[in-house]
PDB file of all heavy atoms in Angstrom:
ATOM      1  N   THR A   1     141.088  66.992  78.469  1.00  0.00           N
ATOM      2  CA  THR A   1     141.443  68.265  79.064  1.00  0.00           C
ATOM      3  C   THR A   1     141.629  68.066  80.556  1.00  0.00           C
ATOM      4  O   THR A   1     140.741  67.548  81.235  1.00  0.00           O
ATOM      5  CB  THR A   1     140.356  69.325  78.806  1.00  0.00           C
ATOM      6  OG1 THR A   1     140.170  69.448  77.387  1.00  0.00           O
ATOM      7  CG2 THR A   1     140.745  70.661  79.386  1.00  0.00           C
ATOM      8  N   ASN A   2     142.807  68.438  81.046  1.00  0.00           N
ATOM      9  CA  ASN A   2     143.054  68.413  82.480  1.00  0.00           C
ATOM     10  C   ASN A   2     143.525  69.791  82.903  1.00  0.00           C
ATOM     11  O   ASN A   2     143.456  70.738  82.127  1.00  0.00           O
ATOM     12  CB  ASN A   2     144.057  67.314  82.851  1.00  0.00           C
ATOM     13  CG  ASN A   2     145.438  67.514  82.254  1.00  0.00           C
ATOM     14  OD1 ASN A   2     145.845  68.618  81.924  1.00  0.00           O
ATOM     15  ND2 ASN A   2     146.171  66.420  82.112  1.00  0.00           N
ATOM     16  N   MET A   3     144.016  69.933  84.119  1.00  0.00           N
ATOM     17  CA  MET A   3     144.386  71.267  84.622  1.00  0.00           C
ATOM     18  C   MET A   3     145.562  71.882  83.871  1.00  0.00           C
ATOM     19  O   MET A   3     145.819  73.078  83.982  1.00  0.00           O
ATOM     20  CB  MET A   3     144.685  71.199  86.114  1.00  0.00           C
ATOM     21  CG  MET A   3     145.892  70.386  86.484  1.00  0.00           C
ATOM     22  SD  MET A   3     146.051  70.357  88.257  1.00  0.00           S
ATOM     23  CE  MET A   3     146.489  68.648  88.469  1.00  0.00           C
ATOM     24  N   TYR A   4     146.286  71.103  83.092  1.00  0.00           N
ATOM     25  CA  TYR A   4     147.428  71.605  82.339  1.00  0.00           C
ATOM     26  C   TYR A   4     147.088  71.918  80.885  1.00  0.00           C
ATOM     27  O   TYR A   4     147.910  72.400  80.143  1.00  0.00           O
ATOM     28  CB  TYR A   4     148.581  70.603  82.392  1.00  0.00           C
ATOM     29  CG  TYR A   4     148.974  70.260  83.802  1.00  0.00           C
ATOM     30  CD1 TYR A   4     148.684  69.015  84.328  1.00  0.00           C
ATOM     31  CD2 TYR A   4     149.604  71.200  84.611  1.00  0.00           C
ATOM     32  CE1 TYR A   4     149.041  68.697  85.628  1.00  0.00           C
ATOM     33  CE2 TYR A   4     149.954  70.890  85.917  1.00  0.00           C
ATOM     34  CZ  TYR A   4     149.669  69.635  86.424  1.00  0.00           C
ATOM     35  OH  TYR A   4     150.008  69.328  87.712  1.00  0.00           O
ATOM     36  N   GLY A   5     145.903  71.606  80.472  1.00  0.00           N
ATOM     37  CA  GLY A   5     145.492  71.829  79.085  1.00  0.00           C
ATOM     38  C   GLY A   5     144.982  70.538  78.471  1.00  0.00           C
ATOM     39  O   GLY A   5     144.476  69.668  79.167  1.00  0.00           O
ATOM     40  N   GLN A   6     145.162  70.414  77.173  1.00  0.00           N
ATOM     41  CA  GLN A   6     144.693  69.214  76.479  1.00  0.00           C
ATOM     42  C   GLN A   6     145.838  68.224  76.313  1.00  0.00           C
ATOM     43  O   GLN A   6     146.963  68.608  75.992  1.00  0.00           O
ATOM     44  CB  GLN A   6     144.107  69.563  75.119  1.00  0.00           C
ATOM     45  CG  GLN A   6     142.753  70.218  75.234  1.00  0.00           C
ATOM     46  CD  GLN A   6     141.979  70.145  73.937  1.00  0.00           C
ATOM     47  OE1 GLN A   6     142.543  70.141  72.866  1.00  0.00           O
ATOM     48  NE2 GLN A   6     140.665  70.091  74.052  1.00  0.00           N
ATOM     49  N   VAL A   7     145.517  66.959  76.534  1.00  0.00           N
ATOM     50  CA  VAL A   7     146.491  65.881  76.438  1.00  0.00           C
ATOM     51  C   VAL A   7     145.935  64.829  75.488  1.00  0.00           C
ATOM     52  O   VAL A   7     144.762  64.449  75.591  1.00  0.00           O
ATOM     53  CB  VAL A   7     146.719  65.234  77.825  1.00  0.00           C
ATOM     54  CG1 VAL A   7     147.706  64.091  77.738  1.00  0.00           C
ATOM     55  CG2 VAL A   7     147.177  66.272  78.836  1.00  0.00           C
ATOM     56  N   LYS A   8     146.755  64.379  74.577  1.00  0.00           N
ATOM     57  CA  LYS A   8     146.333  63.288  73.700  1.00  0.00           C
ATOM     58  C   LYS A   8     146.496  61.989  74.478  1.00  0.00           C
ATOM     59  O   LYS A   8     147.556  61.715  75.043  1.00  0.00           O
ATOM     60  CB  LYS A   8     147.182  63.251  72.431  1.00  0.00           C
ATOM     61  CG  LYS A   8     146.721  62.193  71.455  1.00  0.00           C
ATOM     62  CD  LYS A   8     147.514  62.238  70.171  1.00  0.00           C
ATOM     63  CE  LYS A   8     146.981  61.148  69.245  1.00  0.00           C
ATOM     64  NZ  LYS A   8     147.652  61.167  67.965  1.00  0.00           N
ATOM     65  N   TYR A   9     145.429  61.200  74.539  1.00  0.00           N
ATOM     66  CA  TYR A   9     145.450  59.960  75.301  1.00  0.00           C
ATOM     67  C   TYR A   9     144.745  58.883  74.504  1.00  0.00           C
ATOM     68  O   TYR A   9     143.619  59.075  74.045  1.00  0.00           O
ATOM     69  CB  TYR A   9     144.745  60.150  76.652  1.00  0.00           C
ATOM     70  CG  TYR A   9     144.788  58.917  77.518  1.00  0.00           C
ATOM     71  CD1 TYR A   9     145.940  58.578  78.217  1.00  0.00           C
ATOM     72  CD2 TYR A   9     143.684  58.083  77.634  1.00  0.00           C
ATOM     73  CE1 TYR A   9     145.983  57.452  79.004  1.00  0.00           C
ATOM     74  CE2 TYR A   9     143.718  56.957  78.425  1.00  0.00           C
ATOM     75  CZ  TYR A   9     144.882  56.640  79.121  1.00  0.00           C
ATOM     76  OH  TYR A   9     144.924  55.512  79.890  1.00  0.00           O
ATOM     77  N   ASN A  10     145.407  57.771  74.326  1.00  0.00           N
ATOM     78  CA  ASN A  10     144.798  56.615  73.672  1.00  0.00           C
ATOM     79  C   ASN A  10     144.301  55.660  74.741  1.00  0.00           C
ATOM     80  O   ASN A  10     145.103  55.173  75.542  1.00  0.00           O
ATOM     81  CB  ASN A  10     145.807  55.910  72.770  1.00  0.00           C
ATOM     82  CG  ASN A  10     146.207  56.755  71.589  1.00  0.00           C
ATOM     83  OD1 ASN A  10     145.368  57.367  70.952  1.00  0.00           O
ATOM     84  ND2 ASN A  10     147.494  56.815  71.308  1.00  0.00           N
ATOM     85  N   LEU A  11     143.017  55.431  74.769  1.00  0.00           N
ATOM     86  CA  LEU A  11     142.421  54.498  75.721  1.00  0.00           C
ATOM     87  C   LEU A  11     142.445  53.111  75.101  1.00  0.00           C
ATOM     88  O   LEU A  11     141.637  52.808  74.220  1.00  0.00           O
ATOM     89  CB  LEU A  11     140.987  54.919  76.065  1.00  0.00           C
ATOM     90  CG  LEU A  11     140.226  54.005  77.013  1.00  0.00           C
ATOM     91  CD1 LEU A  11     140.922  53.933  78.363  1.00  0.00           C
ATOM     92  CD2 LEU A  11     138.802  54.503  77.181  1.00  0.00           C
ATOM     93  N   TYR A  12     143.397  52.318  75.525  1.00  0.00           N
ATOM     94  CA  TYR A  12     143.498  50.950  75.030  1.00  0.00           C
ATOM     95  C   TYR A  12     142.770  50.026  75.986  1.00  0.00           C
ATOM     96  O   TYR A  12     143.005  50.063  77.198  1.00  0.00           O
ATOM     97  CB  TYR A  12     144.961  50.515  74.922  1.00  0.00           C
ATOM     98  CG  TYR A  12     145.736  51.271  73.884  1.00  0.00           C
ATOM     99  CD1 TYR A  12     146.666  52.231  74.245  1.00  0.00           C
ATOM    100  CD2 TYR A  12     145.517  51.035  72.535  1.00  0.00           C
ATOM    101  CE1 TYR A  12     147.376  52.939  73.287  1.00  0.00           C
ATOM    102  CE2 TYR A  12     146.219  51.735  71.569  1.00  0.00           C
ATOM    103  CZ  TYR A  12     147.147  52.688  71.949  1.00  0.00           C
ATOM    104  OH  TYR A  12     147.837  53.370  70.998  1.00  0.00           O
ATOM    105  N   ILE A  13     141.889  49.237  75.448  1.00  0.00           N
ATOM    106  CA  ILE A  13     141.198  48.240  76.256  1.00  0.00           C
ATOM    107  C   ILE A  13     141.367  46.877  75.599  1.00  0.00           C
ATOM    108  O   ILE A  13     141.630  46.779  74.404  1.00  0.00           O
ATOM    109  CB  ILE A  13     139.705  48.589  76.459  1.00  0.00           C
ATOM    110  CG1 ILE A  13     138.995  48.758  75.122  1.00  0.00           C
ATOM    111  CG2 ILE A  13     139.555  49.848  77.303  1.00  0.00           C
ATOM    112  CD1 ILE A  13     137.512  48.962  75.269  1.00  0.00           C
ATOM    113  N   ARG A  14     141.222  45.876  76.381  1.00  0.00           N
ATOM    114  CA  ARG A  14     141.460  44.513  75.909  1.00  0.00           C
ATOM    115  C   ARG A  14     140.177  43.785  75.505  1.00  0.00           C
ATOM    116  O   ARG A  14     140.220  42.721  74.941  1.00  0.00           O
ATOM    117  CB  ARG A  14     142.202  43.737  76.985  1.00  0.00           C
ATOM    118  CG  ARG A  14     143.637  44.212  77.112  1.00  0.00           C
ATOM    119  CD  ARG A  14     144.277  43.769  78.408  1.00  0.00           C
ATOM    120  NE  ARG A  14     145.687  44.122  78.444  1.00  0.00           N
ATOM    121  CZ  ARG A  14     146.159  45.343  78.620  1.00  0.00           C
ATOM    122  NH1 ARG A  14     145.329  46.348  78.755  1.00  0.00           N
ATOM    123  NH2 ARG A  14     147.453  45.586  78.660  1.00  0.00           N
ATOM    124  N   ASN A  15     139.048  44.367  75.826  1.00  0.00           N
ATOM    125  CA  ASN A  15     137.767  43.730  75.552  1.00  0.00           C
ATOM    126  C   ASN A  15     136.933  44.603  74.616  1.00  0.00           C
ATOM    127  O   ASN A  15     136.970  45.825  74.705  1.00  0.00           O
ATOM    128  CB  ASN A  15     137.008  43.511  76.865  1.00  0.00           C
ATOM    129  CG  ASN A  15     137.740  42.560  77.771  1.00  0.00           C
ATOM    130  OD1 ASN A  15     137.699  41.354  77.577  1.00  0.00           O
ATOM    131  ND2 ASN A  15     138.449  43.093  78.771  1.00  0.00           N
ATOM    132  N   ASP A  16     136.185  43.966  73.757  1.00  0.00           N
ATOM    133  CA  ASP A  16     135.300  44.666  72.834  1.00  0.00           C
ATOM    134  C   ASP A  16     134.200  45.356  73.647  1.00  0.00           C
ATOM    135  O   ASP A  16     133.418  44.682  74.324  1.00  0.00           O
ATOM    136  CB  ASP A  16     134.696  43.660  71.856  1.00  0.00           C
ATOM    137  CG  ASP A  16     133.793  44.287  70.813  1.00  0.00           C
ATOM    138  OD1 ASP A  16     133.364  45.455  70.986  1.00  0.00           O
ATOM    139  OD2 ASP A  16     133.499  43.610  69.823  1.00  0.00           O
ATOM    140  N   PRO A  17     134.129  46.689  73.614  1.00  0.00           N
ATOM    141  CA  PRO A  17     133.133  47.393  74.430  1.00  0.00           C
ATOM    142  C   PRO A  17     131.696  46.996  74.113  1.00  0.00           C
ATOM    143  O   PRO A  17     130.829  47.087  74.974  1.00  0.00           O
ATOM    144  CB  PRO A  17     133.372  48.871  74.127  1.00  0.00           C
ATOM    145  CG  PRO A  17     134.417  48.951  73.105  1.00  0.00           C
ATOM    146  CD  PRO A  17     134.956  47.585  72.835  1.00  0.00           C
ATOM    147  N   ARG A  18     131.436  46.549  72.900  1.00  0.00           N
ATOM    148  CA  ARG A  18     130.066  46.128  72.545  1.00  0.00           C
ATOM    149  C   ARG A  18     129.675  44.847  73.265  1.00  0.00           C
ATOM    150  O   ARG A  18     128.495  44.534  73.382  1.00  0.00           O
ATOM    151  CB  ARG A  18     129.966  45.922  71.035  1.00  0.00           C
ATOM    152  CG  ARG A  18     130.174  47.218  70.244  1.00  0.00           C
ATOM    153  CD  ARG A  18     130.354  46.948  68.791  1.00  0.00           C
ATOM    154  NE  ARG A  18     131.577  46.165  68.630  1.00  0.00           N
ATOM    155  CZ  ARG A  18     132.154  45.863  67.487  1.00  0.00           C
ATOM    156  NH1 ARG A  18     131.611  46.252  66.360  1.00  0.00           N
ATOM    157  NH2 ARG A  18     133.261  45.160  67.441  1.00  0.00           N
ATOM    158  N   LYS A  19     130.653  44.115  73.762  1.00  0.00           N
ATOM    159  CA  LYS A  19     130.377  42.850  74.455  1.00  0.00           C
ATOM    160  C   LYS A  19     130.390  42.999  75.974  1.00  0.00           C
ATOM    161  O   LYS A  19     130.138  42.044  76.682  1.00  0.00           O
ATOM    162  CB  LYS A  19     131.392  41.796  74.019  1.00  0.00           C
ATOM    163  CG  LYS A  19     131.242  41.433  72.554  1.00  0.00           C
ATOM    164  CD  LYS A  19     132.221  40.368  72.147  1.00  0.00           C
ATOM    165  CE  LYS A  19     132.054  40.040  70.658  1.00  0.00           C
ATOM    166  NZ  LYS A  19     133.021  39.057  70.207  1.00  0.00           N
ATOM    167  N   LEU A  20     130.703  44.175  76.459  1.00  0.00           N
ATOM    168  CA  LEU A  20     130.715  44.419  77.904  1.00  0.00           C
ATOM    169  C   LEU A  20     129.309  44.831  78.325  1.00  0.00           C
ATOM    170  O   LEU A  20     128.974  46.007  78.375  1.00  0.00           O
ATOM    171  CB  LEU A  20     131.748  45.498  78.250  1.00  0.00           C
ATOM    172  CG  LEU A  20     133.196  45.156  77.920  1.00  0.00           C
ATOM    173  CD1 LEU A  20     134.109  46.341  78.197  1.00  0.00           C
ATOM    174  CD2 LEU A  20     133.658  43.923  78.675  1.00  0.00           C
ATOM    175  N   LYS A  21     128.486  43.863  78.612  1.00  0.00           N
ATOM    176  CA  LYS A  21     127.054  44.091  78.817  1.00  0.00           C
ATOM    177  C   LYS A  21     126.644  44.373  80.262  1.00  0.00           C
ATOM    178  O   LYS A  21     125.479  44.535  80.540  1.00  0.00           O
ATOM    179  CB  LYS A  21     126.260  42.880  78.312  1.00  0.00           C
ATOM    180  CG  LYS A  21     126.456  42.602  76.835  1.00  0.00           C
ATOM    181  CD  LYS A  21     125.873  43.673  75.982  1.00  0.00           C
ATOM    182  CE  LYS A  21     125.996  43.316  74.511  1.00  0.00           C
ATOM    183  NZ  LYS A  21     125.614  44.391  73.633  1.00  0.00           N
ATOM    184  N   MET A  22     127.604  44.414  81.184  1.00  0.00           N
ATOM    185  CA  MET A  22     127.208  44.621  82.577  1.00  0.00           C
ATOM    186  C   MET A  22     126.605  46.010  82.782  1.00  0.00           C
ATOM    187  O   MET A  22     127.029  46.972  82.154  1.00  0.00           O
ATOM    188  CB  MET A  22     128.366  44.363  83.536  1.00  0.00           C
ATOM    189  CG  MET A  22     129.584  45.224  83.369  1.00  0.00           C
ATOM    190  SD  MET A  22     130.779  44.710  82.119  1.00  0.00           S
ATOM    191  CE  MET A  22     131.216  43.087  82.500  1.00  0.00           C
ATOM    192  N   PRO A  23     125.591  46.112  83.647  1.00  0.00           N
ATOM    193  CA  PRO A  23     124.916  47.403  83.848  1.00  0.00           C
ATOM    194  C   PRO A  23     125.756  48.376  84.670  1.00  0.00           C
ATOM    195  O   PRO A  23     126.563  47.974  85.514  1.00  0.00           O
ATOM    196  CB  PRO A  23     123.639  47.017  84.594  1.00  0.00           C
ATOM    197  CG  PRO A  23     123.959  45.738  85.277  1.00  0.00           C
ATOM    198  CD  PRO A  23     124.962  45.031  84.399  1.00  0.00           C
ATOM    199  N   VAL A  24     125.541  49.658  84.406  1.00  0.00           N
ATOM    200  CA  VAL A  24     126.182  50.733  85.163  1.00  0.00           C
ATOM    201  C   VAL A  24     125.072  51.589  85.749  1.00  0.00           C
ATOM    202  O   VAL A  24     124.300  52.199  85.014  1.00  0.00           O
ATOM    203  CB  VAL A  24     127.112  51.582  84.266  1.00  0.00           C
ATOM    204  CG1 VAL A  24     127.690  52.753  85.050  1.00  0.00           C
ATOM    205  CG2 VAL A  24     128.224  50.728  83.675  1.00  0.00           C
ATOM    206  N   TYR A  25     124.997  51.592  87.066  1.00  0.00           N
ATOM    207  CA  TYR A  25     124.004  52.399  87.782  1.00  0.00           C
ATOM    208  C   TYR A  25     124.749  53.517  88.504  1.00  0.00           C
ATOM    209  O   TYR A  25     124.912  53.485  89.727  1.00  0.00           O
ATOM    210  CB  TYR A  25     123.232  51.545  88.783  1.00  0.00           C
ATOM    211  CG  TYR A  25     122.583  50.325  88.180  1.00  0.00           C
ATOM    212  CD1 TYR A  25     123.088  49.046  88.411  1.00  0.00           C
ATOM    213  CD2 TYR A  25     121.466  50.446  87.356  1.00  0.00           C
ATOM    214  CE1 TYR A  25     122.496  47.930  87.855  1.00  0.00           C
ATOM    215  CE2 TYR A  25     120.867  49.333  86.804  1.00  0.00           C
ATOM    216  CZ  TYR A  25     121.386  48.077  87.057  1.00  0.00           C
ATOM    217  OH  TYR A  25     120.798  46.964  86.506  1.00  0.00           O
ATOM    218  N   ALA A  26     125.268  54.467  87.737  1.00  0.00           N
ATOM    219  CA  ALA A  26     126.076  55.525  88.341  1.00  0.00           C
ATOM    220  C   ALA A  26     126.099  56.763  87.457  1.00  0.00           C
ATOM    221  O   ALA A  26     126.151  56.660  86.239  1.00  0.00           O
ATOM    222  CB  ALA A  26     127.510  55.025  88.552  1.00  0.00           C
ATOM    223  N   ASN A  27     126.064  57.903  88.121  1.00  0.00           N
ATOM    224  CA  ASN A  27     126.293  59.184  87.472  1.00  0.00           C
ATOM    225  C   ASN A  27     127.694  59.598  87.926  1.00  0.00           C
ATOM    226  O   ASN A  27     127.861  60.138  89.016  1.00  0.00           O
ATOM    227  CB  ASN A  27     125.239  60.200  87.903  1.00  0.00           C
ATOM    228  CG  ASN A  27     125.439  61.531  87.222  1.00  0.00           C
ATOM    229  OD1 ASN A  27     126.184  61.650  86.251  1.00  0.00           O
ATOM    230  ND2 ASN A  27     124.783  62.549  87.741  1.00  0.00           N
ATOM    231  N   ILE A  28     128.700  59.321  87.115  1.00  0.00           N
ATOM    232  CA  ILE A  28     130.087  59.412  87.546  1.00  0.00           C
ATOM    233  C   ILE A  28     130.578  60.852  87.541  1.00  0.00           C
ATOM    234  O   ILE A  28     130.603  61.516  86.513  1.00  0.00           O
ATOM    235  CB  ILE A  28     130.990  58.528  86.662  1.00  0.00           C
ATOM    236  CG1 ILE A  28     130.465  57.083  86.649  1.00  0.00           C
ATOM    237  CG2 ILE A  28     132.434  58.581  87.156  1.00  0.00           C
ATOM    238  CD1 ILE A  28     131.135  56.182  85.633  1.00  0.00           C
ATOM    239  N   SER A  29     130.958  61.309  88.719  1.00  0.00           N
ATOM    240  CA  SER A  29     131.529  62.637  88.916  1.00  0.00           C
ATOM    241  C   SER A  29     132.552  62.495  90.037  1.00  0.00           C
ATOM    242  O   SER A  29     132.183  62.281  91.194  1.00  0.00           O
ATOM    243  CB  SER A  29     130.437  63.634  89.296  1.00  0.00           C
ATOM    244  OG  SER A  29     131.001  64.899  89.495  1.00  0.00           O
ATOM    245  N   LEU A  30     133.826  62.593  89.689  1.00  0.00           N
ATOM    246  CA  LEU A  30     134.893  62.299  90.637  1.00  0.00           C
ATOM    247  C   LEU A  30     135.414  63.557  91.312  1.00  0.00           C
ATOM    248  O   LEU A  30     135.476  64.620  90.703  1.00  0.00           O
ATOM    249  CB  LEU A  30     136.048  61.600  89.914  1.00  0.00           C
ATOM    250  CG  LEU A  30     135.677  60.364  89.079  1.00  0.00           C
ATOM    251  CD1 LEU A  30     136.913  59.816  88.383  1.00  0.00           C
ATOM    252  CD2 LEU A  30     135.023  59.299  89.934  1.00  0.00           C
ATOM    253  N   LYS A  31     135.809  63.420  92.571  1.00  0.00           N
ATOM    254  CA  LYS A  31     136.483  64.492  93.287  1.00  0.00           C
ATOM    255  C   LYS A  31     137.964  64.458  92.915  1.00  0.00           C
ATOM    256  O   LYS A  31     138.434  63.518  92.290  1.00  0.00           O
ATOM    257  CB  LYS A  31     136.288  64.310  94.784  1.00  0.00           C
ATOM    258  CG  LYS A  31     134.811  64.391  95.189  1.00  0.00           C
ATOM    259  CD  LYS A  31     134.674  64.853  96.599  1.00  0.00           C
ATOM    260  CE  LYS A  31     133.231  65.017  96.978  1.00  0.00           C
ATOM    261  NZ  LYS A  31     132.698  66.319  96.682  1.00  0.00           N
ATOM    262  N   LYS A  32     138.700  65.467  93.286  1.00  0.00           N
ATOM    263  CA  LYS A  32     140.121  65.602  92.909  1.00  0.00           C
ATOM    264  C   LYS A  32     140.963  64.423  93.401  1.00  0.00           C
ATOM    265  O   LYS A  32     141.846  63.937  92.704  1.00  0.00           O
ATOM    266  CB  LYS A  32     140.663  66.919  93.466  1.00  0.00           C
ATOM    267  CG  LYS A  32     142.074  67.206  93.090  1.00  0.00           C
ATOM    268  CD  LYS A  32     142.166  67.616  91.650  1.00  0.00           C
ATOM    269  CE  LYS A  32     143.597  67.988  91.296  1.00  0.00           C
ATOM    270  NZ  LYS A  32     143.900  67.717  89.921  1.00  0.00           N
ATOM    271  N   ASP A  33     140.717  63.968  94.630  1.00  0.00           N
ATOM    272  CA  ASP A  33     141.464  62.851  95.212  1.00  0.00           C
ATOM    273  C   ASP A  33     140.654  61.571  95.064  1.00  0.00           C
ATOM    274  O   ASP A  33     139.508  61.496  95.533  1.00  0.00           O
ATOM    275  CB  ASP A  33     141.771  63.114  96.684  1.00  0.00           C
ATOM    276  CG  ASP A  33     142.685  64.314  96.874  1.00  0.00           C
ATOM    277  OD1 ASP A  33     143.680  64.418  96.133  1.00  0.00           O
ATOM    278  OD2 ASP A  33     142.393  65.150  97.752  1.00  0.00           O
ATOM    279  N   VAL A  34     141.256  60.586  94.407  1.00  0.00           N
ATOM    280  CA  VAL A  34     140.570  59.324  94.124  1.00  0.00           C
ATOM    281  C   VAL A  34     141.376  58.166  94.699  1.00  0.00           C
ATOM    282  O   VAL A  34     142.580  58.053  94.439  1.00  0.00           O
ATOM    283  CB  VAL A  34     140.394  59.117  92.603  1.00  0.00           C
ATOM    284  CG1 VAL A  34     139.729  57.779  92.323  1.00  0.00           C
ATOM    285  CG2 VAL A  34     139.601  60.258  91.986  1.00  0.00           C
ATOM    286  N   PHE A  35     140.708  57.334  95.484  1.00  0.00           N
ATOM    287  CA  PHE A  35     141.308  56.105  95.980  1.00  0.00           C
ATOM    288  C   PHE A  35     140.750  54.939  95.170  1.00  0.00           C
ATOM    289  O   PHE A  35     139.537  54.840  94.991  1.00  0.00           O
ATOM    290  CB  PHE A  35     140.979  55.884  97.458  1.00  0.00           C
ATOM    291  CG  PHE A  35     141.734  56.790  98.372  1.00  0.00           C
ATOM    292  CD1 PHE A  35     141.281  58.078  98.639  1.00  0.00           C
ATOM    293  CD2 PHE A  35     142.910  56.361  98.976  1.00  0.00           C
ATOM    294  CE1 PHE A  35     141.982  58.928  99.477  1.00  0.00           C
ATOM    295  CE2 PHE A  35     143.623  57.203  99.812  1.00  0.00           C
ATOM    296  CZ  PHE A  35     143.157  58.489 100.063  1.00  0.00           C
ATOM    297  N   ILE A  36     141.630  54.092  94.683  1.00  0.00           N
ATOM    298  CA  ILE A  36     141.210  52.843  94.042  1.00  0.00           C
ATOM    299  C   ILE A  36     141.441  51.757  95.086  1.00  0.00           C
ATOM    300  O   ILE A  36     142.586  51.423  95.404  1.00  0.00           O
ATOM    301  CB  ILE A  36     142.000  52.555  92.755  1.00  0.00           C
ATOM    302  CG1 ILE A  36     141.848  53.699  91.755  1.00  0.00           C
ATOM    303  CG2 ILE A  36     141.529  51.231  92.141  1.00  0.00           C
ATOM    304  CD1 ILE A  36     142.719  53.556  90.510  1.00  0.00           C
ATOM    305  N   ALA A  37     140.353  51.268  95.662  1.00  0.00           N
ATOM    306  CA  ALA A  37     140.423  50.299  96.755  1.00  0.00           C
ATOM    307  C   ALA A  37     140.099  48.901  96.239  1.00  0.00           C
ATOM    308  O   ALA A  37     139.114  48.712  95.517  1.00  0.00           O
ATOM    309  CB  ALA A  37     139.448  50.693  97.861  1.00  0.00           C
TER     310      ALA A  37
END
């Protein structure tokens, strides 16, 4: 769901998520403007 309604989106990833063991120390909440640096 985005500001225009619901969108069908397929999240394709190349790695098995069960094998991605790195830790995540974050409570992810993004602002409207996002920079990928």
